[in-house]
Amino acid sequence: MRKTMLAAFIVVASVLTVPAFAQDAAKTASTDAAAPAAAMQQDAANTADHAATKADTVVEHSSHKAKHAAHKSAAAAHKSAAEAHKSAADAHEAAAAAHESAAATGGN
């Protein structure tokens, strides 16, 4: 986003300096030339604003996708840990049952 804003600023600054140089180069230019220059400035400002808005939208969308992916992987890790815990509990229960069975038969 910073690069986009910097690029937009450079474009707008460049467009804004064009009339200043034009005035220095041709002091006798008529005021009719100011209208197209103002229109160009407005177009450049609108273009820069649109580019910045589009960049913000892209950043928000990418951020949302990354957040969703992180939540999805966290849920998968939680599910995997729960399954491992259940397997360990089942193994512990089986070992306890085997131990009780061995104790009931006298250790054979």
C-alpha atoms as a PDB file:
ATOM      1  CA  MET A   1       0.000   0.000   0.000  1.00  0.00           C
ATOM      2  CA  ARG A   2       2.858   2.386   0.752  1.00  0.00           C
ATOM      3  CA  LYS A   3       4.378   1.833  -2.680  1.00  0.00           C
ATOM      4  CA  THR A   4       1.029   2.535  -4.328  1.00  0.00           C
ATOM      5  CA  MET A   5       0.516   5.684  -2.304  1.00  0.00           C
ATOM      6  CA  LEU A   6       4.079   6.798  -3.130  1.00  0.00           C
ATOM      7  CA  ALA A   7       3.507   6.171  -6.832  1.00  0.00           C
ATOM      8  CA  ALA A   8       0.211   8.062  -6.724  1.00  0.00           C
ATOM      9  CA  PHE A   9       1.876  10.952  -4.911  1.00  0.00           C
ATOM     10  CA  ILE A  10       4.648  11.106  -7.514  1.00  0.00           C
ATOM     11  CA  VAL A  11       2.113  11.111 -10.369  1.00  0.00           C
ATOM     12  CA  VAL A  12       0.028  13.853  -8.752  1.00  0.00           C
ATOM     13  CA  ALA A  13       3.115  15.916  -7.904  1.00  0.00           C
ATOM     14  CA  SER A  14       4.384  15.577 -11.465  1.00  0.00           C
ATOM     15  CA  VAL A  15       1.055  16.622 -12.911  1.00  0.00           C
ATOM     16  CA  LEU A  16       0.851  19.551 -10.523  1.00  0.00           C
ATOM     17  CA  THR A  17       4.299  20.826 -11.531  1.00  0.00           C
ATOM     18  CA  VAL A  18       3.592  20.724 -15.287  1.00  0.00           C
ATOM     19  CA  PRO A  19       1.515  23.948 -15.273  1.00  0.00           C
ATOM     20  CA  ALA A  20       4.190  25.740 -13.231  1.00  0.00           C
ATOM     21  CA  PHE A  21       6.875  24.938 -15.799  1.00  0.00           C
ATOM     22  CA  ALA A  22       4.508  25.792 -18.620  1.00  0.00           C
ATOM     23  CA  GLN A  23       3.932  29.224 -17.087  1.00  0.00           C
ATOM     24  CA  ASP A  24       7.672  29.848 -16.834  1.00  0.00           C
ATOM     25  CA  ALA A  25       8.264  28.735 -20.421  1.00  0.00           C
ATOM     26  CA  ALA A  26       5.450  30.764 -21.966  1.00  0.00           C
ATOM     27  CA  LYS A  27       4.545  33.822 -19.911  1.00  0.00           C
ATOM     28  CA  THR A  28       2.172  35.021 -22.616  1.00  0.00           C
ATOM     29  CA  ALA A  29       0.010  31.882 -22.703  1.00  0.00           C
ATOM     30  CA  SER A  30      -3.677  32.553 -22.586  1.00  0.00           C
ATOM     31  CA  THR A  31      -5.929  31.544 -19.680  1.00  0.00           C
ATOM     32  CA  ASP A  32      -7.626  29.009 -21.946  1.00  0.00           C
ATOM     33  CA  ALA A  33      -4.670  26.676 -21.346  1.00  0.00           C
ATOM     34  CA  ALA A  34      -5.414  26.612 -17.608  1.00  0.00           C
ATOM     35  CA  ALA A  35      -8.723  24.786 -18.047  1.00  0.00           C
ATOM     36  CA  PRO A  36      -7.206  21.658 -19.664  1.00  0.00           C
ATOM     37  CA  ALA A  37      -4.388  21.680 -17.104  1.00  0.00           C
ATOM     38  CA  ALA A  38      -6.924  21.824 -14.265  1.00  0.00           C
ATOM     39  CA  ALA A  39      -8.849  18.989 -15.878  1.00  0.00           C
ATOM     40  CA  MET A  40      -5.634  16.973 -16.148  1.00  0.00           C
ATOM     41  CA  GLN A  41      -4.901  17.627 -12.486  1.00  0.00           C
ATOM     42  CA  GLN A  42      -8.389  16.500 -11.526  1.00  0.00           C
ATOM     43  CA  ASP A  43      -8.086  13.373 -13.688  1.00  0.00           C
ATOM     44  CA  ALA A  44      -4.706  12.577 -12.166  1.00  0.00           C
ATOM     45  CA  ALA A  45      -6.064  13.079  -8.659  1.00  0.00           C
ATOM     46  CA  ASN A  46      -9.060  10.848  -9.440  1.00  0.00           C
ATOM     47  CA  THR A  47      -6.789   8.188 -10.913  1.00  0.00           C
ATOM     48  CA  ALA A  48      -4.503   8.290  -7.886  1.00  0.00           C
ATOM     49  CA  ASP A  49      -7.483   8.119  -5.529  1.00  0.00           C
ATOM     50  CA  HIS A  50      -8.930   5.178  -7.440  1.00  0.00           C
ATOM     51  CA  ALA A  51      -5.567   3.376  -7.390  1.00  0.00           C
ATOM     52  CA  ALA A  52      -5.243   3.914  -3.645  1.00  0.00           C
ATOM     53  CA  THR A  53      -8.794   2.687  -3.042  1.00  0.00           C
ATOM     54  CA  LYS A  54      -8.169  -0.389  -5.192  1.00  0.00           C
ATOM     55  CA  ALA A  55      -4.926  -1.101  -3.332  1.00  0.00           C
ATOM     56  CA  ASP A  56      -6.745  -0.835   0.013  1.00  0.00           C
ATOM     57  CA  THR A  57      -9.397  -3.266  -1.222  1.00  0.00           C
ATOM     58  CA  VAL A  58      -6.757  -5.741  -2.387  1.00  0.00           C
ATOM     59  CA  VAL A  59      -4.925  -5.511   0.941  1.00  0.00           C
ATOM     60  CA  GLU A  60      -8.148  -6.050   2.909  1.00  0.00           C
ATOM     61  CA  HIS A  61      -9.074  -9.044   0.742  1.00  0.00           C
ATOM     62  CA  SER A  62      -5.620 -10.597   1.101  1.00  0.00           C
ATOM     63  CA  SER A  63      -5.700 -10.010   4.843  1.00  0.00           C
ATOM     64  CA  HIS A  64      -9.094 -11.692   5.091  1.00  0.00           C
ATOM     65  CA  LYS A  65      -7.887 -14.696   3.096  1.00  0.00           C
ATOM     66  CA  ALA A  66      -4.772 -15.031   5.273  1.00  0.00           C
ATOM     67  CA  LYS A  67      -6.874 -14.819   8.447  1.00  0.00           C
ATOM     68  CA  HIS A  68      -9.222 -17.513   7.121  1.00  0.00           C
ATOM     69  CA  ALA A  69      -6.299 -19.789   6.224  1.00  0.00           C
ATOM     70  CA  ALA A  70      -4.781 -19.313   9.687  1.00  0.00           C
ATOM     71  CA  HIS A  71      -8.071 -20.177  11.394  1.00  0.00           C
ATOM     72  CA  LYS A  72      -8.521 -23.202   9.151  1.00  0.00           C
ATOM     73  CA  SER A  73      -5.039 -24.556   9.926  1.00  0.00           C
ATOM     74  CA  ALA A  74      -5.518 -23.882  13.656  1.00  0.00           C
ATOM     75  CA  ALA A  75      -8.787 -25.838  13.589  1.00  0.00           C
ATOM     76  CA  ALA A  76      -7.068 -28.717  11.785  1.00  0.00           C
ATOM     77  CA  ALA A  77      -4.246 -28.729  14.354  1.00  0.00           C
ATOM     78  CA  HIS A  78      -6.771 -28.710  17.197  1.00  0.00           C
ATOM     79  CA  LYS A  79      -8.670 -31.626  15.636  1.00  0.00           C
ATOM     80  CA  SER A  80      -5.432 -33.569  15.154  1.00  0.00           C
ATOM     81  CA  ALA A  81      -4.393 -32.946  18.770  1.00  0.00           C
ATOM     82  CA  ALA A  82      -7.820 -34.079  20.019  1.00  0.00           C
ATOM     83  CA  GLU A  83      -7.553 -37.295  17.992  1.00  0.00           C
ATOM     84  CA  ALA A  84      -4.048 -37.955  19.355  1.00  0.00           C
ATOM     85  CA  HIS A  85      -5.299 -37.351  22.900  1.00  0.00           C
ATOM     86  CA  LYS A  86      -8.203 -39.789  22.334  1.00  0.00           C
ATOM     87  CA  SER A  87      -5.795 -42.437  20.973  1.00  0.00           C
ATOM     88  CA  ALA A  88      -3.525 -42.006  23.988  1.00  0.00           C
ATOM     89  CA  ALA A  89      -6.498 -42.267  26.353  1.00  0.00           C
ATOM     90  CA  ASP A  90      -7.682 -45.454  24.592  1.00  0.00           C
ATOM     91  CA  ALA A  91      -4.188 -46.961  24.828  1.00  0.00           C
ATOM     92  CA  HIS A  92      -3.986 -46.020  28.498  1.00  0.00           C
ATOM     93  CA  GLU A  93      -7.388 -47.616  29.132  1.00  0.00           C
ATOM     94  CA  ALA A  94      -6.339 -50.805  27.314  1.00  0.00           C
ATOM     95  CA  ALA A  95      -3.108 -50.976  29.324  1.00  0.00           C
ATOM     96  CA  ALA A  96      -5.051 -50.500  32.578  1.00  0.00           C
ATOM     97  CA  ALA A  97      -7.470 -53.275  31.599  1.00  0.00           C
ATOM     98  CA  ALA A  98      -4.576 -55.589  30.762  1.00  0.00           C
ATOM     99  CA  HIS A  99      -2.934 -54.742  34.094  1.00  0.00           C
ATOM    100  CA  GLU A 100      -6.158 -55.516  36.010  1.00  0.00           C
ATOM    101  CA  SER A 101      -6.584 -58.749  34.071  1.00  0.00           C
ATOM    102  CA  ALA A 102      -3.034 -59.779  34.881  1.00  0.00           C
ATOM    103  CA  ALA A 103      -3.522 -58.897  38.566  1.00  0.00           C
ATOM    104  CA  ALA A 104      -6.774 -60.887  38.693  1.00  0.00           C
ATOM    105  CA  THR A 105      -5.134 -64.018  37.268  1.00  0.00           C
ATOM    106  CA  GLY A 106      -2.220 -63.821  39.648  1.00  0.00           C
ATOM    107  CA  GLY A 107       0.357 -62.252  37.339  1.00  0.00           C
ATOM    108  CA  ASN A 108       0.390 -64.966  34.655  1.00  0.00           C
END
